[in-house]
PDB file of N, CA and C in Angstrom:
ATOM      1  N   MET A   1     -23.107 -90.362 -40.212  1.00  0.00           N
ATOM      2  CA  MET A   1     -22.846 -90.054 -38.838  1.00  0.00           C
ATOM      3  C   MET A   1     -24.196 -89.914 -38.183  1.00  0.00           C
ATOM      4  N   SER A   2     -24.335 -90.565 -37.034  1.00  0.00           N
ATOM      5  CA  SER A   2     -25.636 -90.548 -36.330  1.00  0.00           C
ATOM      6  C   SER A   2     -25.845 -89.164 -35.573  1.00  0.00           C
ATOM      7  N   PHE A   3     -27.062 -88.959 -35.187  1.00  0.00           N
ATOM      8  CA  PHE A   3     -27.406 -87.739 -34.486  1.00  0.00           C
ATOM      9  C   PHE A   3     -26.607 -87.648 -33.170  1.00  0.00           C
ATOM     10  N   LEU A   4     -26.476 -88.757 -32.520  1.00  0.00           N
ATOM     11  CA  LEU A   4     -25.733 -88.708 -31.221  1.00  0.00           C
ATOM     12  C   LEU A   4     -24.291 -88.392 -31.435  1.00  0.00           C
ATOM     13  N   GLU A   5     -23.656 -88.890 -32.499  1.00  0.00           N
ATOM     14  CA  GLU A   5     -22.348 -88.557 -32.800  1.00  0.00           C
ATOM     15  C   GLU A   5     -22.112 -87.101 -33.147  1.00  0.00           C
ATOM     16  N   LEU A   6     -23.069 -86.536 -33.898  1.00  0.00           N
ATOM     17  CA  LEU A   6     -23.019 -85.119 -34.204  1.00  0.00           C
ATOM     18  C   LEU A   6     -23.222 -84.259 -32.961  1.00  0.00           C
ATOM     19  N   LEU A   7     -24.132 -84.683 -32.030  1.00  0.00           N
ATOM     20  CA  LEU A   7     -24.332 -83.971 -30.831  1.00  0.00           C
ATOM     21  C   LEU A   7     -23.060 -84.012 -29.915  1.00  0.00           C
ATOM     22  N   HIS A   8     -22.490 -85.188 -29.804  1.00  0.00           N
ATOM     23  CA  HIS A   8     -21.305 -85.286 -28.991  1.00  0.00           C
ATOM     24  C   HIS A   8     -20.122 -84.532 -29.587  1.00  0.00           C
ATOM     25  N   GLY A   9     -19.931 -84.642 -30.844  1.00  0.00           N
ATOM     26  CA  GLY A   9     -18.818 -83.843 -31.536  1.00  0.00           C
ATOM     27  C   GLY A   9     -18.998 -82.437 -31.428  1.00  0.00           C
ATOM     28  N   GLY A  10     -20.208 -81.951 -31.533  1.00  0.00           N
ATOM     29  CA  GLY A  10     -20.503 -80.500 -31.560  1.00  0.00           C
ATOM     30  C   GLY A  10     -20.456 -79.854 -30.176  1.00  0.00           C
ATOM     31  N   TYR A  11     -20.762 -80.614 -29.144  1.00  0.00           N
ATOM     32  CA  TYR A  11     -20.882 -79.996 -27.782  1.00  0.00           C
ATOM     33  C   TYR A  11     -19.823 -80.568 -26.871  1.00  0.00           C
ATOM     34  N   VAL A  12     -19.895 -81.848 -26.670  1.00  0.00           N
ATOM     35  CA  VAL A  12     -19.120 -82.463 -25.606  1.00  0.00           C
ATOM     36  C   VAL A  12     -17.597 -82.511 -25.940  1.00  0.00           C
ATOM     37  N   HIS A  13     -17.327 -82.982 -27.140  1.00  0.00           N
ATOM     38  CA  HIS A  13     -15.852 -83.218 -27.550  1.00  0.00           C
ATOM     39  C   HIS A  13     -15.138 -81.860 -27.594  1.00  0.00           C
ATOM     40  N   LYS A  14     -15.789 -80.858 -28.268  1.00  0.00           N
ATOM     41  CA  LYS A  14     -15.130 -79.494 -28.386  1.00  0.00           C
ATOM     42  C   LYS A  14     -14.873 -78.932 -27.019  1.00  0.00           C
ATOM     43  N   ARG A  15     -15.892 -78.950 -26.151  1.00  0.00           N
ATOM     44  CA  ARG A  15     -15.828 -78.337 -24.781  1.00  0.00           C
ATOM     45  C   ARG A  15     -14.743 -79.115 -24.012  1.00  0.00           C
ATOM     46  N   ARG A  16     -14.753 -80.462 -24.015  1.00  0.00           N
ATOM     47  CA  ARG A  16     -13.787 -81.188 -23.275  1.00  0.00           C
ATOM     48  C   ARG A  16     -12.359 -80.860 -23.728  1.00  0.00           C
ATOM     49  N   ALA A  17     -12.060 -80.754 -25.077  1.00  0.00           N
ATOM     50  CA  ALA A  17     -10.759 -80.466 -25.541  1.00  0.00           C
ATOM     51  C   ALA A  17     -10.363 -79.082 -25.138  1.00  0.00           C
ATOM     52  N   SER A  18     -11.286 -78.157 -25.111  1.00  0.00           N
ATOM     53  CA  SER A  18     -10.963 -76.758 -24.726  1.00  0.00           C
ATOM     54  C   SER A  18     -10.552 -76.676 -23.254  1.00  0.00           C
ATOM     55  N   VAL A  19     -11.321 -77.352 -22.388  1.00  0.00           N
ATOM     56  CA  VAL A  19     -11.046 -77.332 -20.977  1.00  0.00           C
ATOM     57  C   VAL A  19      -9.704 -78.055 -20.690  1.00  0.00           C
ATOM     58  N   LEU A  20      -9.513 -79.225 -21.290  1.00  0.00           N
ATOM     59  CA  LEU A  20      -8.303 -79.969 -21.114  1.00  0.00           C
ATOM     60  C   LEU A  20      -7.066 -79.229 -21.603  1.00  0.00           C
ATOM     61  N   SER A  21      -7.181 -78.536 -22.733  1.00  0.00           N
ATOM     62  CA  SER A  21      -6.079 -77.823 -23.305  1.00  0.00           C
ATOM     63  C   SER A  21      -5.594 -76.698 -22.359  1.00  0.00           C
ATOM     64  N   GLU A  22      -6.572 -76.044 -21.664  1.00  0.00           N
ATOM     65  CA  GLU A  22      -6.189 -75.008 -20.713  1.00  0.00           C
ATOM     66  C   GLU A  22      -5.378 -75.608 -19.540  1.00  0.00           C
ATOM     67  N   TRP A  23      -5.845 -76.680 -19.044  1.00  0.00           N
ATOM     68  CA  TRP A  23      -5.280 -77.352 -17.963  1.00  0.00           C
ATOM     69  C   TRP A  23      -3.850 -77.906 -18.287  1.00  0.00           C
ATOM     70  N   CYS A  24      -3.783 -78.653 -19.407  1.00  0.00           N
ATOM     71  CA  CYS A  24      -2.517 -79.217 -19.841  1.00  0.00           C
ATOM     72  C   CYS A  24      -1.467 -78.227 -20.176  1.00  0.00           C
ATOM     73  N   SER A  25      -1.868 -77.188 -20.848  1.00  0.00           N
ATOM     74  CA  SER A  25      -0.878 -76.175 -21.299  1.00  0.00           C
ATOM     75  C   SER A  25      -0.304 -75.408 -20.086  1.00  0.00           C
ATOM     76  N   SER A  26      -1.055 -75.374 -19.023  1.00  0.00           N
ATOM     77  CA  SER A  26      -0.540 -74.656 -17.796  1.00  0.00           C
ATOM     78  C   SER A  26       0.489 -75.537 -17.051  1.00  0.00           C
ATOM     79  N   LEU A  27       0.455 -76.865 -17.242  1.00  0.00           N
ATOM     80  CA  LEU A  27       1.354 -77.771 -16.561  1.00  0.00           C
ATOM     81  C   LEU A  27       2.676 -78.007 -17.249  1.00  0.00           C
ATOM     82  N   MET A  28       2.707 -77.779 -18.522  1.00  0.00           N
ATOM     83  CA  MET A  28       3.879 -78.133 -19.263  1.00  0.00           C
ATOM     84  C   MET A  28       5.056 -77.128 -19.092  1.00  0.00           C
ATOM     85  N   PRO A  29       6.280 -77.616 -18.944  1.00  0.00           N
ATOM     86  CA  PRO A  29       7.427 -76.684 -18.807  1.00  0.00           C
ATOM     87  C   PRO A  29       7.726 -76.015 -20.058  1.00  0.00           C
ATOM     88  N   ARG A  30       8.437 -74.942 -20.003  1.00  0.00           N
ATOM     89  CA  ARG A  30       8.795 -74.192 -21.218  1.00  0.00           C
ATOM     90  C   ARG A  30       9.594 -75.084 -22.154  1.00  0.00           C
ATOM     91  N   ASN A  31       9.381 -74.852 -23.454  1.00  0.00           N
ATOM     92  CA  ASN A  31      10.179 -75.529 -24.568  1.00  0.00           C
ATOM     93  C   ASN A  31      10.096 -77.073 -24.482  1.00  0.00           C
ATOM     94  N   ALA A  32       9.036 -77.593 -23.871  1.00  0.00           N
ATOM     95  CA  ALA A  32       8.898 -79.085 -23.744  1.00  0.00           C
ATOM     96  C   ALA A  32       8.645 -79.712 -25.093  1.00  0.00           C
ATOM     97  N   SER A  33       9.057 -80.987 -25.189  1.00  0.00           N
ATOM     98  CA  SER A  33       8.647 -81.860 -26.210  1.00  0.00           C
ATOM     99  C   SER A  33       7.668 -82.857 -25.714  1.00  0.00           C
ATOM    100  N   VAL A  34       6.473 -82.945 -26.312  1.00  0.00           N
ATOM    101  CA  VAL A  34       5.335 -83.665 -25.711  1.00  0.00           C
ATOM    102  C   VAL A  34       4.913 -84.787 -26.632  1.00  0.00           C
ATOM    103  N   LEU A  35       4.732 -85.970 -26.133  1.00  0.00           N
ATOM    104  CA  LEU A  35       4.252 -87.103 -26.893  1.00  0.00           C
ATOM    105  C   LEU A  35       2.793 -87.358 -26.431  1.00  0.00           C
ATOM    106  N   ASP A  36       1.866 -87.100 -27.290  1.00  0.00           N
ATOM    107  CA  ASP A  36       0.419 -87.252 -27.007  1.00  0.00           C
ATOM    108  C   ASP A  36       0.005 -88.727 -27.334  1.00  0.00           C
ATOM    109  N   ILE A  37       0.046 -89.597 -26.360  1.00  0.00           N
ATOM    110  CA  ILE A  37      -0.292 -90.994 -26.547  1.00  0.00           C
ATOM    111  C   ILE A  37      -1.775 -91.147 -26.612  1.00  0.00           C
ATOM    112  N   GLY A  38      -2.296 -91.722 -27.669  1.00  0.00           N
ATOM    113  CA  GLY A  38      -3.745 -91.821 -27.866  1.00  0.00           C
ATOM    114  C   GLY A  38      -4.282 -90.519 -28.333  1.00  0.00           C
ATOM    115  N   CYS A  39      -3.656 -89.823 -29.295  1.00  0.00           N
ATOM    116  CA  CYS A  39      -4.017 -88.481 -29.644  1.00  0.00           C
ATOM    117  C   CYS A  39      -5.307 -88.387 -30.359  1.00  0.00           C
ATOM    118  N   GLY A  40      -5.911 -89.471 -30.853  1.00  0.00           N
ATOM    119  CA  GLY A  40      -7.211 -89.441 -31.536  1.00  0.00           C
ATOM    120  C   GLY A  40      -7.179 -88.484 -32.704  1.00  0.00           C
ATOM    121  N   ASP A  41      -8.117 -87.511 -32.682  1.00  0.00           N
ATOM    122  CA  ASP A  41      -8.132 -86.641 -33.932  1.00  0.00           C
ATOM    123  C   ASP A  41      -7.152 -85.537 -33.818  1.00  0.00           C
ATOM    124  N   GLY A  42      -6.452 -85.410 -32.747  1.00  0.00           N
ATOM    125  CA  GLY A  42      -5.349 -84.382 -32.634  1.00  0.00           C
ATOM    126  C   GLY A  42      -5.827 -83.006 -32.136  1.00  0.00           C
ATOM    127  N   ARG A  43      -7.132 -82.897 -31.904  1.00  0.00           N
ATOM    128  CA  ARG A  43      -7.694 -81.602 -31.507  1.00  0.00           C
ATOM    129  C   ARG A  43      -7.051 -81.058 -30.272  1.00  0.00           C
ATOM    130  N   LEU A  44      -6.942 -81.920 -29.244  1.00  0.00           N
ATOM    131  CA  LEU A  44      -6.411 -81.431 -27.954  1.00  0.00           C
ATOM    132  C   LEU A  44      -4.937 -80.958 -28.108  1.00  0.00           C
ATOM    133  N   GLY A  45      -4.143 -81.764 -28.882  1.00  0.00           N
ATOM    134  CA  GLY A  45      -2.777 -81.347 -29.138  1.00  0.00           C
ATOM    135  C   GLY A  45      -2.679 -80.045 -29.878  1.00  0.00           C
ATOM    136  N   ARG A  46      -3.529 -79.868 -30.827  1.00  0.00           N
ATOM    137  CA  ARG A  46      -3.554 -78.595 -31.622  1.00  0.00           C
ATOM    138  C   ARG A  46      -3.885 -77.353 -30.714  1.00  0.00           C
ATOM    139  N   LEU A  47      -4.846 -77.543 -29.860  1.00  0.00           N
ATOM    140  CA  LEU A  47      -5.254 -76.465 -28.968  1.00  0.00           C
ATOM    141  C   LEU A  47      -4.150 -76.118 -27.996  1.00  0.00           C
ATOM    142  N   VAL A  48      -3.453 -77.141 -27.456  1.00  0.00           N
ATOM    143  CA  VAL A  48      -2.345 -76.911 -26.555  1.00  0.00           C
ATOM    144  C   VAL A  48      -1.212 -76.181 -27.330  1.00  0.00           C
ATOM    145  N   ALA A  49      -0.909 -76.638 -28.499  1.00  0.00           N
ATOM    146  CA  ALA A  49       0.168 -75.959 -29.307  1.00  0.00           C
ATOM    147  C   ALA A  49      -0.221 -74.559 -29.623  1.00  0.00           C
ATOM    148  N   GLU A  50      -1.482 -74.206 -29.827  1.00  0.00           N
ATOM    149  CA  GLU A  50      -1.868 -72.861 -30.086  1.00  0.00           C
ATOM    150  C   GLU A  50      -1.693 -72.014 -28.835  1.00  0.00           C
ATOM    151  N   LYS A  51      -1.969 -72.521 -27.684  1.00  0.00           N
ATOM    152  CA  LYS A  51      -1.763 -71.780 -26.468  1.00  0.00           C
ATOM    153  C   LYS A  51      -0.295 -71.677 -26.054  1.00  0.00           C
ATOM    154  N   ARG A  52       0.495 -72.692 -26.409  1.00  0.00           N
ATOM    155  CA  ARG A  52       1.858 -72.763 -26.048  1.00  0.00           C
ATOM    156  C   ARG A  52       2.741 -72.993 -27.321  1.00  0.00           C
ATOM    157  N   PRO A  53       3.017 -71.934 -28.023  1.00  0.00           N
ATOM    158  CA  PRO A  53       3.874 -72.112 -29.262  1.00  0.00           C
ATOM    159  C   PRO A  53       5.293 -72.504 -28.977  1.00  0.00           C
ATOM    160  N   ASP A  54       5.748 -72.444 -27.755  1.00  0.00           N
ATOM    161  CA  ASP A  54       7.108 -72.812 -27.305  1.00  0.00           C
ATOM    162  C   ASP A  54       7.298 -74.312 -27.224  1.00  0.00           C
ATOM    163  N   ILE A  55       6.172 -75.092 -27.236  1.00  0.00           N
ATOM    164  CA  ILE A  55       6.305 -76.530 -27.090  1.00  0.00           C
ATOM    165  C   ILE A  55       6.158 -77.266 -28.390  1.00  0.00           C
ATOM    166  N   SER A  56       6.674 -78.435 -28.513  1.00  0.00           N
ATOM    167  CA  SER A  56       6.573 -79.291 -29.681  1.00  0.00           C
ATOM    168  C   SER A  56       5.695 -80.508 -29.338  1.00  0.00           C
ATOM    169  N   ILE A  57       4.657 -80.808 -30.114  1.00  0.00           N
ATOM    170  CA  ILE A  57       3.748 -81.920 -29.801  1.00  0.00           C
ATOM    171  C   ILE A  57       3.726 -82.861 -30.996  1.00  0.00           C
ATOM    172  N   HIS A  58       3.887 -84.175 -30.701  1.00  0.00           N
ATOM    173  CA  HIS A  58       3.727 -85.241 -31.654  1.00  0.00           C
ATOM    174  C   HIS A  58       2.773 -86.278 -31.020  1.00  0.00           C
ATOM    175  N   GLY A  59       1.833 -86.713 -31.876  1.00  0.00           N
ATOM    176  CA  GLY A  59       0.784 -87.690 -31.465  1.00  0.00           C
ATOM    177  C   GLY A  59       1.165 -89.063 -31.874  1.00  0.00           C
ATOM    178  N   ILE A  60       0.654 -90.000 -31.180  1.00  0.00           N
ATOM    179  CA  ILE A  60       0.756 -91.500 -31.496  1.00  0.00           C
ATOM    180  C   ILE A  60      -0.618 -92.074 -31.161  1.00  0.00           C
ATOM    181  N   ASN A  61      -1.134 -92.864 -32.116  1.00  0.00           N
ATOM    182  CA  ASN A  61      -2.455 -93.448 -32.033  1.00  0.00           C
ATOM    183  C   ASN A  61      -2.498 -94.798 -32.703  1.00  0.00           C
ATOM    184  N   VAL A  62      -3.398 -95.605 -32.290  1.00  0.00           N
ATOM    185  CA  VAL A  62      -3.564 -96.913 -32.876  1.00  0.00           C
ATOM    186  C   VAL A  62      -3.941 -96.755 -34.355  1.00  0.00           C
ATOM    187  N   ARG A  63      -4.812 -95.809 -34.629  1.00  0.00           N
ATOM    188  CA  ARG A  63      -5.246 -95.552 -36.011  1.00  0.00           C
ATOM    189  C   ARG A  63      -4.606 -94.256 -36.480  1.00  0.00           C
ATOM    190  N   LEU A  64      -3.756 -94.348 -37.512  1.00  0.00           N
ATOM    191  CA  LEU A  64      -3.078 -93.212 -38.117  1.00  0.00           C
ATOM    192  C   LEU A  64      -4.143 -92.292 -38.731  1.00  0.00           C
ATOM    193  N   ARG A  65      -4.028 -91.023 -38.376  1.00  0.00           N
ATOM    194  CA  ARG A  65      -4.951 -90.051 -38.954  1.00  0.00           C
ATOM    195  C   ARG A  65      -4.173 -89.039 -39.839  1.00  0.00           C
ATOM    196  N   THR A  66      -4.376 -89.180 -41.128  1.00  0.00           N
ATOM    197  CA  THR A  66      -3.673 -88.352 -42.073  1.00  0.00           C
ATOM    198  C   THR A  66      -4.171 -86.865 -42.065  1.00  0.00           C
ATOM    199  N   ASP A  67      -5.378 -86.714 -41.488  1.00  0.00           N
ATOM    200  CA  ASP A  67      -6.025 -85.359 -41.479  1.00  0.00           C
ATOM    201  C   ASP A  67      -5.799 -84.677 -40.088  1.00  0.00           C
ATOM    202  N   ALA A  68      -5.002 -85.294 -39.209  1.00  0.00           N
ATOM    203  CA  ALA A  68      -4.835 -84.683 -37.843  1.00  0.00           C
ATOM    204  C   ALA A  68      -4.058 -83.399 -37.916  1.00  0.00           C
ATOM    205  N   PRO A  69      -4.401 -82.415 -37.121  1.00  0.00           N
ATOM    206  CA  PRO A  69      -3.715 -81.133 -37.189  1.00  0.00           C
ATOM    207  C   PRO A  69      -2.379 -81.093 -36.490  1.00  0.00           C
ATOM    208  N   ILE A  70      -1.951 -82.266 -35.881  1.00  0.00           N
ATOM    209  CA  ILE A  70      -0.604 -82.320 -35.379  1.00  0.00           C
ATOM    210  C   ILE A  70       0.147 -83.512 -36.012  1.00  0.00           C
ATOM    211  N   PRO A  71       1.411 -83.504 -36.057  1.00  0.00           N
ATOM    212  CA  PRO A  71       2.177 -84.686 -36.590  1.00  0.00           C
ATOM    213  C   PRO A  71       1.813 -85.871 -35.707  1.00  0.00           C
ATOM    214  N   ASN A  72       1.525 -87.030 -36.382  1.00  0.00           N
ATOM    215  CA  ASN A  72       1.215 -88.215 -35.617  1.00  0.00           C
ATOM    216  C   ASN A  72       1.726 -89.451 -36.344  1.00  0.00           C
ATOM    217  N   SER A  73       1.884 -90.518 -35.525  1.00  0.00           N
ATOM    218  CA  SER A  73       2.397 -91.815 -36.002  1.00  0.00           C
ATOM    219  C   SER A  73       1.419 -92.907 -35.575  1.00  0.00           C
ATOM    220  N   HIS A  74       1.666 -94.064 -36.270  1.00  0.00           N
ATOM    221  CA  HIS A  74       0.866 -95.248 -35.973  1.00  0.00           C
ATOM    222  C   HIS A  74       1.600 -95.918 -34.742  1.00  0.00           C
ATOM    223  N   GLY A  75       0.836 -96.323 -33.705  1.00  0.00           N
ATOM    224  CA  GLY A  75       1.414 -96.811 -32.490  1.00  0.00           C
ATOM    225  C   GLY A  75       1.638 -98.303 -32.428  1.00  0.00           C
ATOM    226  N   LEU A  76       1.325 -99.039 -33.438  1.00  0.00           N
ATOM    227  CA  LEU A  76       1.596-100.456 -33.331  1.00  0.00           C
ATOM    228  C   LEU A  76       2.685-100.937 -34.222  1.00  0.00           C
TER     229      LEU A  76
END
């Protein structure tokens, strides 16, 4: 992993996911089922699920991630 990737993952990605999870979780209706299209590493979905235990989140991504913290499927 390059220095730039480490820097981005350590600062930008974590902060972005945190801010987006606050915003997204405030918009979702109670007991919603959410499909996270392009879920990537699943970090955003996990943070939203932690803030909103009443919702169900499933991710879909082009690349299946077996280590993602949310259930996910291959999108092709």
